[in-house]
Amino acid sequence: MSSTTVLPLSHRPVRTATPAPAALPPSAFDATLDATYETHRRFQHGAFAEPCPTCHVSAGEFCLTRRSVHAARRLAHRVRGAQADPFSRMARKAC
């Protein structure tokens, strides 16, 4: 039998990160969200690459609702991405 002593582990609570909206004051969070949407719109990333079938704005334009992308526009973007090239999606998952 071994004479090794077992030391107890300290049980400290794990701290979790605070969500972004709680970490930033409302005005800073609003500015961050506006800048993010503007960047996506300007470079036609994500759903902003599709025309909106709900409010009929062209690709690269904001939906008529403030700080919102209509569900039909997001769905159109997902459908186009799924039809584009299934191999590249599988390759991305493998990496």
C-alpha atoms as a PDB file:
ATOM      1  CA  MET A   1       0.000   0.000   0.000  1.00  0.00           C
ATOM      2  CA  SER A   2       1.250   3.481  -0.807  1.00  0.00           C
ATOM      3  CA  SER A   3       1.726   6.162   1.816  1.00  0.00           C
ATOM      4  CA  THR A   4       0.757   9.000  -0.551  1.00  0.00           C
ATOM      5  CA  THR A   5      -1.488  11.602   1.015  1.00  0.00           C
ATOM      6  CA  VAL A   6      -4.444  12.935  -0.882  1.00  0.00           C
ATOM      7  CA  LEU A   7      -4.946  16.670  -0.657  1.00  0.00           C
ATOM      8  CA  PRO A   8      -8.492  18.047  -0.858  1.00  0.00           C
ATOM      9  CA  LEU A   9      -9.258  20.260  -3.837  1.00  0.00           C
ATOM     10  CA  SER A  10     -10.550  23.733  -3.182  1.00  0.00           C
ATOM     11  CA  HIS A  11     -14.093  24.198  -4.406  1.00  0.00           C
ATOM     12  CA  ARG A  12     -14.354  27.776  -5.563  1.00  0.00           C
ATOM     13  CA  PRO A  13     -17.414  28.907  -7.504  1.00  0.00           C
ATOM     14  CA  VAL A  14     -16.819  29.428 -11.207  1.00  0.00           C
ATOM     15  CA  ARG A  15     -17.399  32.976 -12.370  1.00  0.00           C
ATOM     16  CA  THR A  16     -19.314  33.344 -15.576  1.00  0.00           C
ATOM     17  CA  ALA A  17     -19.049  36.161 -18.070  1.00  0.00           C
ATOM     18  CA  THR A  18     -21.708  38.832 -17.930  1.00  0.00           C
ATOM     19  CA  PRO A  19     -23.879  39.101 -21.045  1.00  0.00           C
ATOM     20  CA  ALA A  20     -22.994  42.028 -23.310  1.00  0.00           C
ATOM     21  CA  PRO A  21     -26.212  44.027 -22.728  1.00  0.00           C
ATOM     22  CA  ALA A  22     -25.642  44.067 -18.969  1.00  0.00           C
ATOM     23  CA  ALA A  23     -21.943  44.939 -19.316  1.00  0.00           C
ATOM     24  CA  LEU A  24     -22.501  48.027 -21.470  1.00  0.00           C
ATOM     25  CA  PRO A  25     -24.665  51.008 -20.680  1.00  0.00           C
ATOM     26  CA  PRO A  26     -27.743  51.152 -22.919  1.00  0.00           C
ATOM     27  CA  SER A  27     -26.407  53.981 -25.062  1.00  0.00           C
ATOM     28  CA  ALA A  28     -23.138  52.124 -25.733  1.00  0.00           C
ATOM     29  CA  PHE A  29     -24.977  48.908 -26.547  1.00  0.00           C
ATOM     30  CA  ASP A  30     -27.277  50.777 -28.960  1.00  0.00           C
ATOM     31  CA  ALA A  31     -24.280  52.343 -30.696  1.00  0.00           C
ATOM     32  CA  THR A  32     -22.568  48.957 -30.971  1.00  0.00           C
ATOM     33  CA  LEU A  33     -25.675  47.346 -32.435  1.00  0.00           C
ATOM     34  CA  ASP A  34     -26.148  50.203 -34.917  1.00  0.00           C
ATOM     35  CA  ALA A  35     -22.518  49.962 -36.051  1.00  0.00           C
ATOM     36  CA  THR A  36     -22.791  46.192 -36.477  1.00  0.00           C
ATOM     37  CA  TYR A  37     -25.959  46.453 -38.554  1.00  0.00           C
ATOM     38  CA  GLU A  38     -24.457  49.249 -40.645  1.00  0.00           C
ATOM     39  CA  THR A  39     -21.354  47.161 -41.380  1.00  0.00           C
ATOM     40  CA  HIS A  40     -23.449  44.140 -42.363  1.00  0.00           C
ATOM     41  CA  ARG A  41     -25.666  46.304 -44.566  1.00  0.00           C
ATOM     42  CA  ARG A  42     -22.751  48.120 -46.227  1.00  0.00           C
ATOM     43  CA  PHE A  43     -20.899  44.954 -47.182  1.00  0.00           C
ATOM     44  CA  GLN A  44     -24.088  42.909 -47.750  1.00  0.00           C
ATOM     45  CA  HIS A  45     -23.223  40.227 -45.201  1.00  0.00           C
ATOM     46  CA  GLY A  46     -25.698  37.730 -43.842  1.00  0.00           C
ATOM     47  CA  ALA A  47     -29.355  38.444 -44.424  1.00  0.00           C
ATOM     48  CA  PHE A  48     -28.527  41.876 -45.865  1.00  0.00           C
ATOM     49  CA  ALA A  49     -27.294  40.097 -49.015  1.00  0.00           C
ATOM     50  CA  GLU A  50     -30.920  39.214 -49.828  1.00  0.00           C
ATOM     51  CA  PRO A  51     -33.819  41.480 -50.803  1.00  0.00           C
ATOM     52  CA  CYS A  52     -36.517  41.506 -48.138  1.00  0.00           C
ATOM     53  CA  PRO A  53     -39.745  39.830 -49.291  1.00  0.00           C
ATOM     54  CA  THR A  54     -41.676  41.390 -46.397  1.00  0.00           C
ATOM     55  CA  CYS A  55     -40.948  45.109 -46.777  1.00  0.00           C
ATOM     56  CA  HIS A  56     -39.624  44.886 -50.374  1.00  0.00           C
ATOM     57  CA  VAL A  57     -36.302  46.675 -49.871  1.00  0.00           C
ATOM     58  CA  SER A  58     -33.412  45.665 -52.089  1.00  0.00           C
ATOM     59  CA  ALA A  59     -30.315  43.778 -50.985  1.00  0.00           C
ATOM     60  CA  GLY A  60     -27.940  45.936 -48.980  1.00  0.00           C
ATOM     61  CA  GLU A  61     -30.703  48.079 -47.474  1.00  0.00           C
ATOM     62  CA  PHE A  62     -32.171  48.057 -43.976  1.00  0.00           C
ATOM     63  CA  CYS A  63     -35.592  46.572 -43.392  1.00  0.00           C
ATOM     64  CA  LEU A  64     -38.219  49.187 -42.654  1.00  0.00           C
ATOM     65  CA  THR A  65     -38.332  48.089 -39.013  1.00  0.00           C
ATOM     66  CA  ARG A  66     -35.597  49.579 -36.860  1.00  0.00           C
ATOM     67  CA  ARG A  67     -32.912  47.139 -35.665  1.00  0.00           C
ATOM     68  CA  SER A  68     -34.686  44.137 -37.026  1.00  0.00           C
ATOM     69  CA  VAL A  69     -34.311  41.841 -39.974  1.00  0.00           C
ATOM     70  CA  HIS A  70     -37.548  40.237 -41.053  1.00  0.00           C
ATOM     71  CA  ALA A  71     -37.787  36.476 -40.582  1.00  0.00           C
ATOM     72  CA  ALA A  72     -38.529  35.948 -44.291  1.00  0.00           C
ATOM     73  CA  ARG A  73     -35.266  37.709 -45.194  1.00  0.00           C
ATOM     74  CA  ARG A  74     -33.257  35.569 -42.769  1.00  0.00           C
ATOM     75  CA  LEU A  75     -34.968  32.445 -44.122  1.00  0.00           C
ATOM     76  CA  ALA A  76     -34.136  33.443 -47.722  1.00  0.00           C
ATOM     77  CA  HIS A  77     -30.495  33.837 -46.705  1.00  0.00           C
ATOM     78  CA  ARG A  78     -30.435  30.405 -45.041  1.00  0.00           C
ATOM     79  CA  VAL A  79     -32.052  28.746 -48.059  1.00  0.00           C
ATOM     80  CA  ARG A  80     -29.565  30.326 -50.451  1.00  0.00           C
ATOM     81  CA  GLY A  81     -26.675  29.230 -48.222  1.00  0.00           C
ATOM     82  CA  ALA A  82     -27.989  25.673 -48.069  1.00  0.00           C
ATOM     83  CA  GLN A  83     -28.311  25.466 -51.855  1.00  0.00           C
ATOM     84  CA  ALA A  84     -24.953  27.100 -52.608  1.00  0.00           C
ATOM     85  CA  ASP A  85     -22.379  24.376 -52.019  1.00  0.00           C
ATOM     86  CA  PRO A  86     -23.017  21.562 -49.546  1.00  0.00           C
ATOM     87  CA  PHE A  87     -19.388  20.388 -49.706  1.00  0.00           C
ATOM     88  CA  SER A  88     -18.028  23.686 -48.382  1.00  0.00           C
ATOM     89  CA  ARG A  89     -20.417  23.485 -45.405  1.00  0.00           C
ATOM     90  CA  MET A  90     -19.183  19.991 -44.611  1.00  0.00           C
ATOM     91  CA  ALA A  91     -15.569  21.073 -44.965  1.00  0.00           C
ATOM     92  CA  ARG A  92     -16.150  23.982 -42.594  1.00  0.00           C
ATOM     93  CA  LYS A  93     -17.628  21.632 -39.984  1.00  0.00           C
ATOM     94  CA  ALA A  94     -14.651  19.305 -40.273  1.00  0.00           C
ATOM     95  CA  CYS A  95     -12.125  22.075 -39.618  1.00  0.00           C
END
